[in-house]
């Protein structure tokens, strides 16, 4: 990620043995990639978007 110039935090999900869905996907009920979520300090999802991000969506 750093080689591409990304400086924001990026999470990589943990796939537990015997579990079909990775841990964070299960906890936050996400659907796949690409997906973006803004999570506050309390762990609550404040904004969630599934699919490619567009400049229009980011600005709105």
PDB file of N, CA and C in Angstrom:
ATOM      1  N   UNK A   1       0.820  -1.184   0.000  1.00  0.00           N
ATOM      2  CA  UNK A   1       0.000   0.000   0.000  1.00  0.00           C
ATOM      3  C   UNK A   1       0.871   1.257   0.000  1.00  0.00           C
ATOM      4  N   UNK A   2       1.932   1.255   0.779  1.00  0.00           N
ATOM      5  CA  UNK A   2       2.795   2.441   0.832  1.00  0.00           C
ATOM      6  C   UNK A   2       3.443   2.722  -0.517  1.00  0.00           C
ATOM      7  N   UNK A   3       3.793   1.670  -1.243  1.00  0.00           N
ATOM      8  CA  UNK A   3       4.408   1.853  -2.562  1.00  0.00           C
ATOM      9  C   UNK A   3       3.465   2.577  -3.521  1.00  0.00           C
ATOM     10  N   UNK A   4       2.171   2.411  -3.318  1.00  0.00           N
ATOM     11  CA  UNK A   4       1.164   3.062  -4.164  1.00  0.00           C
ATOM     12  C   UNK A   4       0.827   4.466  -3.681  1.00  0.00           C
ATOM     13  N   UNK A   5       1.394   4.876  -2.546  1.00  0.00           N
ATOM     14  CA  UNK A   5       1.153   6.217  -2.032  1.00  0.00           C
ATOM     15  C   UNK A   5      -0.006   6.332  -1.062  1.00  0.00           C
ATOM     16  N   UNK A   6      -0.592   5.211  -0.657  1.00  0.00           N
ATOM     17  CA  UNK A   6      -1.700   5.246   0.302  1.00  0.00           C
ATOM     18  C   UNK A   6      -1.160   5.478   1.706  1.00  0.00           C
ATOM     19  N   UNK A   7      -1.733   6.441   2.397  1.00  0.00           N
ATOM     20  CA  UNK A   7      -1.279   6.752   3.751  1.00  0.00           C
ATOM     21  C   UNK A   7      -2.355   6.497   4.798  1.00  0.00           C
ATOM     22  N   UNK A   8      -3.570   6.149   4.368  1.00  0.00           N
ATOM     23  CA  UNK A   8      -4.662   5.899   5.314  1.00  0.00           C
ATOM     24  C   UNK A   8      -4.584   4.465   5.854  1.00  0.00           C
ATOM     25  N   UNK A   9      -5.172   4.227   7.031  1.00  0.00           N
ATOM     26  CA  UNK A   9      -5.158   2.870   7.593  1.00  0.00           C
ATOM     27  C   UNK A   9      -5.937   1.897   6.706  1.00  0.00           C
ATOM     28  N   UNK A  10      -5.416   0.710   6.547  1.00  0.00           N
ATOM     29  CA  UNK A  10      -6.057  -0.332   5.755  1.00  0.00           C
ATOM     30  C   UNK A  10      -6.073  -1.600   6.594  1.00  0.00           C
ATOM     31  N   UNK A  11      -7.226  -2.234   6.680  1.00  0.00           N
ATOM     32  CA  UNK A  11      -7.341  -3.465   7.451  1.00  0.00           C
ATOM     33  C   UNK A  11      -7.277  -4.691   6.552  1.00  0.00           C
ATOM     34  N   UNK A  12      -6.658  -5.733   7.045  1.00  0.00           N
ATOM     35  CA  UNK A  12      -6.632  -7.016   6.356  1.00  0.00           C
ATOM     36  C   UNK A  12      -7.326  -8.007   7.276  1.00  0.00           C
ATOM     37  N   UNK A  13      -8.358  -8.650   6.760  1.00  0.00           N
ATOM     38  CA  UNK A  13      -9.204  -9.499   7.587  1.00  0.00           C
ATOM     39  C   UNK A  13      -8.522 -10.807   7.977  1.00  0.00           C
ATOM     40  N   UNK A  14      -8.940 -11.351   9.107  1.00  0.00           N
ATOM     41  CA  UNK A  14      -8.416 -12.606   9.636  1.00  0.00           C
ATOM     42  C   UNK A  14      -9.370 -13.738   9.280  1.00  0.00           C
ATOM     43  N   UNK A  15      -8.861 -14.728   8.583  1.00  0.00           N
ATOM     44  CA  UNK A  15      -9.665 -15.895   8.221  1.00  0.00           C
ATOM     45  C   UNK A  15      -9.368 -17.008   9.222  1.00  0.00           C
ATOM     46  N   UNK A  16     -10.306 -17.256  10.125  1.00  0.00           N
ATOM     47  CA  UNK A  16     -10.117 -18.271  11.164  1.00  0.00           C
ATOM     48  C   UNK A  16     -10.320 -19.673  10.599  1.00  0.00           C
ATOM     49  N   UNK A  17      -9.561 -20.642  11.080  1.00  0.00           N
ATOM     50  CA  UNK A  17      -9.718 -22.025  10.616  1.00  0.00           C
ATOM     51  C   UNK A  17     -11.149 -22.515  10.842  1.00  0.00           C
ATOM     52  N   UNK A  18     -11.719 -23.140   9.832  1.00  0.00           N
ATOM     53  CA  UNK A  18     -13.064 -23.688   9.943  1.00  0.00           C
ATOM     54  C   UNK A  18     -14.182 -22.685   9.715  1.00  0.00           C
ATOM     55  N   UNK A  19     -13.856 -21.425   9.548  1.00  0.00           N
ATOM     56  CA  UNK A  19     -14.867 -20.387   9.316  1.00  0.00           C
ATOM     57  C   UNK A  19     -14.871 -20.006   7.843  1.00  0.00           C
ATOM     58  N   UNK A  20     -16.045 -19.968   7.242  1.00  0.00           N
ATOM     59  CA  UNK A  20     -16.156 -19.613   5.829  1.00  0.00           C
ATOM     60  C   UNK A  20     -15.982 -18.113   5.606  1.00  0.00           C
ATOM     61  N   UNK A  21     -16.502 -17.312   6.532  1.00  0.00           N
ATOM     62  CA  UNK A  21     -16.459 -15.854   6.403  1.00  0.00           C
ATOM     63  C   UNK A  21     -15.402 -15.303   7.360  1.00  0.00           C
ATOM     64  N   UNK A  22     -14.512 -14.433   6.874  1.00  0.00           N
ATOM     65  CA  UNK A  22     -13.489 -13.850   7.746  1.00  0.00           C
ATOM     66  C   UNK A  22     -14.094 -13.086   8.925  1.00  0.00           C
ATOM     67  N   UNK A  23     -13.319 -12.961   9.983  1.00  0.00           N
ATOM     68  CA  UNK A  23     -13.789 -12.417  11.261  1.00  0.00           C
ATOM     69  C   UNK A  23     -14.396 -11.011  11.159  1.00  0.00           C
ATOM     70  N   UNK A  24     -13.710 -10.089  10.519  1.00  0.00           N
ATOM     71  CA  UNK A  24     -14.219  -8.721  10.446  1.00  0.00           C
ATOM     72  C   UNK A  24     -15.439  -8.624   9.544  1.00  0.00           C
ATOM     73  N   UNK A  25     -15.446  -9.389   8.457  1.00  0.00           N
ATOM     74  CA  UNK A  25     -16.632  -9.400   7.589  1.00  0.00           C
ATOM     75  C   UNK A  25     -17.854  -9.848   8.380  1.00  0.00           C
ATOM     76  N   UNK A  26     -17.681 -10.829   9.213  1.00  0.00           N
ATOM     77  CA  UNK A  26     -18.795 -11.337  10.022  1.00  0.00           C
ATOM     78  C   UNK A  26     -19.214 -10.299  11.060  1.00  0.00           C
ATOM     79  N   UNK A  27     -18.246  -9.689  11.734  1.00  0.00           N
ATOM     80  CA  UNK A  27     -18.554  -8.733  12.804  1.00  0.00           C
ATOM     81  C   UNK A  27     -19.276  -7.492  12.289  1.00  0.00           C
ATOM     82  N   UNK A  28     -18.859  -7.006  11.108  1.00  0.00           N
ATOM     83  CA  UNK A  28     -19.445  -5.773  10.578  1.00  0.00           C
ATOM     84  C   UNK A  28     -20.421  -6.024   9.439  1.00  0.00           C
ATOM     85  N   UNK A  29     -20.736  -7.292   9.195  1.00  0.00           N
ATOM     86  CA  UNK A  29     -21.704  -7.695   8.178  1.00  0.00           C
ATOM     87  C   UNK A  29     -21.386  -7.077   6.819  1.00  0.00           C
ATOM     88  N   UNK A  30     -20.108  -7.161   6.438  1.00  0.00           N
ATOM     89  CA  UNK A  30     -19.722  -6.665   5.128  1.00  0.00           C
ATOM     90  C   UNK A  30     -19.968  -7.742   4.087  1.00  0.00           C
ATOM     91  N   UNK A  31     -19.920  -7.347   2.807  1.00  0.00           N
ATOM     92  CA  UNK A  31     -20.295  -8.265   1.739  1.00  0.00           C
ATOM     93  C   UNK A  31     -19.145  -8.706   0.856  1.00  0.00           C
ATOM     94  N   UNK A  32     -18.056  -8.023   0.866  1.00  0.00           N
ATOM     95  CA  UNK A  32     -16.945  -8.404   0.003  1.00  0.00           C
ATOM     96  C   UNK A  32     -16.062  -7.223  -0.317  1.00  0.00           C
ATOM     97  N   UNK A  33     -15.340  -7.344  -1.419  1.00  0.00           N
ATOM     98  CA  UNK A  33     -14.449  -6.261  -1.808  1.00  0.00           C
ATOM     99  C   UNK A  33     -14.775  -5.823  -3.228  1.00  0.00           C
ATOM    100  N   UNK A  34     -14.568  -4.606  -3.556  1.00  0.00           N
ATOM    101  CA  UNK A  34     -14.096  -3.556  -2.646  1.00  0.00           C
ATOM    102  C   UNK A  34     -15.225  -3.052  -1.764  1.00  0.00           C
ATOM    103  N   UNK A  35     -14.891  -2.723  -0.563  1.00  0.00           N
ATOM    104  CA  UNK A  35     -15.858  -2.158   0.377  1.00  0.00           C
ATOM    105  C   UNK A  35     -15.130  -1.183   1.288  1.00  0.00           C
ATOM    106  N   UNK A  36     -15.780  -0.082   1.576  1.00  0.00           N
ATOM    107  CA  UNK A  36     -15.195   0.909   2.465  1.00  0.00           C
ATOM    108  C   UNK A  36     -16.147   1.139   3.629  1.00  0.00           C
ATOM    109  N   UNK A  37     -15.575   1.245   4.811  1.00  0.00           N
ATOM    110  CA  UNK A  37     -16.371   1.560   5.992  1.00  0.00           C
ATOM    111  C   UNK A  37     -15.622   2.592   6.817  1.00  0.00           C
ATOM    112  N   UNK A  38     -16.372   3.510   7.366  1.00  0.00           N
ATOM    113  CA  UNK A  38     -15.815   4.455   8.325  1.00  0.00           C
ATOM    114  C   UNK A  38     -16.353   4.034   9.676  1.00  0.00           C
ATOM    115  N   UNK A  39     -15.443   3.686  10.571  1.00  0.00           N
ATOM    116  CA  UNK A  39     -15.798   3.154  11.886  1.00  0.00           C
ATOM    117  C   UNK A  39     -15.296   4.127  12.937  1.00  0.00           C
ATOM    118  N   UNK A  40     -16.195   4.522  13.858  1.00  0.00           N
ATOM    119  CA  UNK A  40     -15.772   5.489  14.879  1.00  0.00           C
ATOM    120  C   UNK A  40     -14.950   4.803  15.968  1.00  0.00           C
ATOM    121  N   UNK A  41     -14.474   5.585  16.898  1.00  0.00           N
ATOM    122  CA  UNK A  41     -13.603   5.049  17.957  1.00  0.00           C
ATOM    123  C   UNK A  41     -14.301   4.026  18.842  1.00  0.00           C
ATOM    124  N   UNK A  42     -15.635   4.053  18.876  1.00  0.00           N
ATOM    125  CA  UNK A  42     -16.396   3.088  19.670  1.00  0.00           C
ATOM    126  C   UNK A  42     -16.629   1.784  18.922  1.00  0.00           C
ATOM    127  N   UNK A  43     -16.207   1.729  17.659  1.00  0.00           N
ATOM    128  CA  UNK A  43     -16.392   0.517  16.869  1.00  0.00           C
ATOM    129  C   UNK A  43     -17.691   0.477  16.097  1.00  0.00           C
ATOM    130  N   UNK A  44     -18.437   1.578  16.084  1.00  0.00           N
ATOM    131  CA  UNK A  44     -19.697   1.632  15.343  1.00  0.00           C
ATOM    132  C   UNK A  44     -19.439   2.058  13.899  1.00  0.00           C
ATOM    133  N   UNK A  45     -20.084   1.370  12.961  1.00  0.00           N
ATOM    134  CA  UNK A  45     -19.969   1.735  11.554  1.00  0.00           C
ATOM    135  C   UNK A  45     -20.795   2.991  11.324  1.00  0.00           C
ATOM    136  N   UNK A  46     -20.141   4.042  10.875  1.00  0.00           N
ATOM    137  CA  UNK A  46     -20.818   5.317  10.628  1.00  0.00           C
ATOM    138  C   UNK A  46     -21.198   5.463   9.163  1.00  0.00           C
ATOM    139  N   UNK A  47     -20.466   4.790   8.294  1.00  0.00           N
ATOM    140  CA  UNK A  47     -20.714   4.873   6.856  1.00  0.00           C
ATOM    141  C   UNK A  47     -20.168   3.609   6.224  1.00  0.00           C
ATOM    142  N   UNK A  48     -20.916   3.042   5.292  1.00  0.00           N
ATOM    143  CA  UNK A  48     -20.476   1.811   4.654  1.00  0.00           C
ATOM    144  C   UNK A  48     -20.848   1.867   3.179  1.00  0.00           C
ATOM    145  N   UNK A  49     -19.927   1.433   2.326  1.00  0.00           N
ATOM    146  CA  UNK A  49     -20.157   1.465   0.884  1.00  0.00           C
ATOM    147  C   UNK A  49     -19.560   0.216   0.265  1.00  0.00           C
ATOM    148  N   UNK A  50     -20.389  -0.539  -0.456  1.00  0.00           N
ATOM    149  CA  UNK A  50     -19.940  -1.727  -1.173  1.00  0.00           C
ATOM    150  C   UNK A  50     -19.781  -1.370  -2.644  1.00  0.00           C
ATOM    151  N   UNK A  51     -18.688  -1.773  -3.229  1.00  0.00           N
ATOM    152  CA  UNK A  51     -18.448  -1.502  -4.647  1.00  0.00           C
ATOM    153  C   UNK A  51     -17.365  -0.461  -4.837  1.00  0.00           C
ATOM    154  N   UNK A  52     -17.084  -0.201  -6.092  1.00  0.00           N
ATOM    155  CA  UNK A  52     -16.048   0.776  -6.423  1.00  0.00           C
ATOM    156  C   UNK A  52     -16.422   2.153  -5.912  1.00  0.00           C
ATOM    157  N   UNK A  53     -15.431   2.862  -5.410  1.00  0.00           N
ATOM    158  CA  UNK A  53     -15.650   4.231  -4.958  1.00  0.00           C
ATOM    159  C   UNK A  53     -15.444   5.175  -6.126  1.00  0.00           C
ATOM    160  N   UNK A  54     -16.325   6.140  -6.238  1.00  0.00           N
ATOM    161  CA  UNK A  54     -16.173   7.167  -7.258  1.00  0.00           C
ATOM    162  C   UNK A  54     -15.940   8.494  -6.564  1.00  0.00           C
ATOM    163  N   UNK A  55     -15.349   9.424  -7.267  1.00  0.00           N
ATOM    164  CA  UNK A  55     -15.121  10.745  -6.702  1.00  0.00           C
ATOM    165  C   UNK A  55     -16.447  11.394  -6.315  1.00  0.00           C
ATOM    166  N   UNK A  56     -17.483  11.184  -7.110  1.00  0.00           N
ATOM    167  CA  UNK A  56     -18.812  11.733  -6.797  1.00  0.00           C
ATOM    168  C   UNK A  56     -19.312  11.211  -5.453  1.00  0.00           C
ATOM    169  N   UNK A  57     -19.166   9.910  -5.212  1.00  0.00           N
ATOM    170  CA  UNK A  57     -19.643   9.326  -3.956  1.00  0.00           C
ATOM    171  C   UNK A  57     -18.839   9.847  -2.774  1.00  0.00           C
ATOM    172  N   UNK A  58     -17.528   9.948  -2.933  1.00  0.00           N
ATOM    173  CA  UNK A  58     -16.671  10.410  -1.840  1.00  0.00           C
ATOM    174  C   UNK A  58     -17.017  11.843  -1.454  1.00  0.00           C
ATOM    175  N   UNK A  59     -17.312  12.682  -2.427  1.00  0.00           N
ATOM    176  CA  UNK A  59     -17.628  14.085  -2.153  1.00  0.00           C
ATOM    177  C   UNK A  59     -19.014  14.270  -1.549  1.00  0.00           C
ATOM    178  N   UNK A  60     -19.916  13.314  -1.730  1.00  0.00           N
ATOM    179  CA  UNK A  60     -21.294  13.496  -1.237  1.00  0.00           C
ATOM    180  C   UNK A  60     -21.474  13.112   0.206  1.00  0.00           C
TER     181      UNK A  60
END
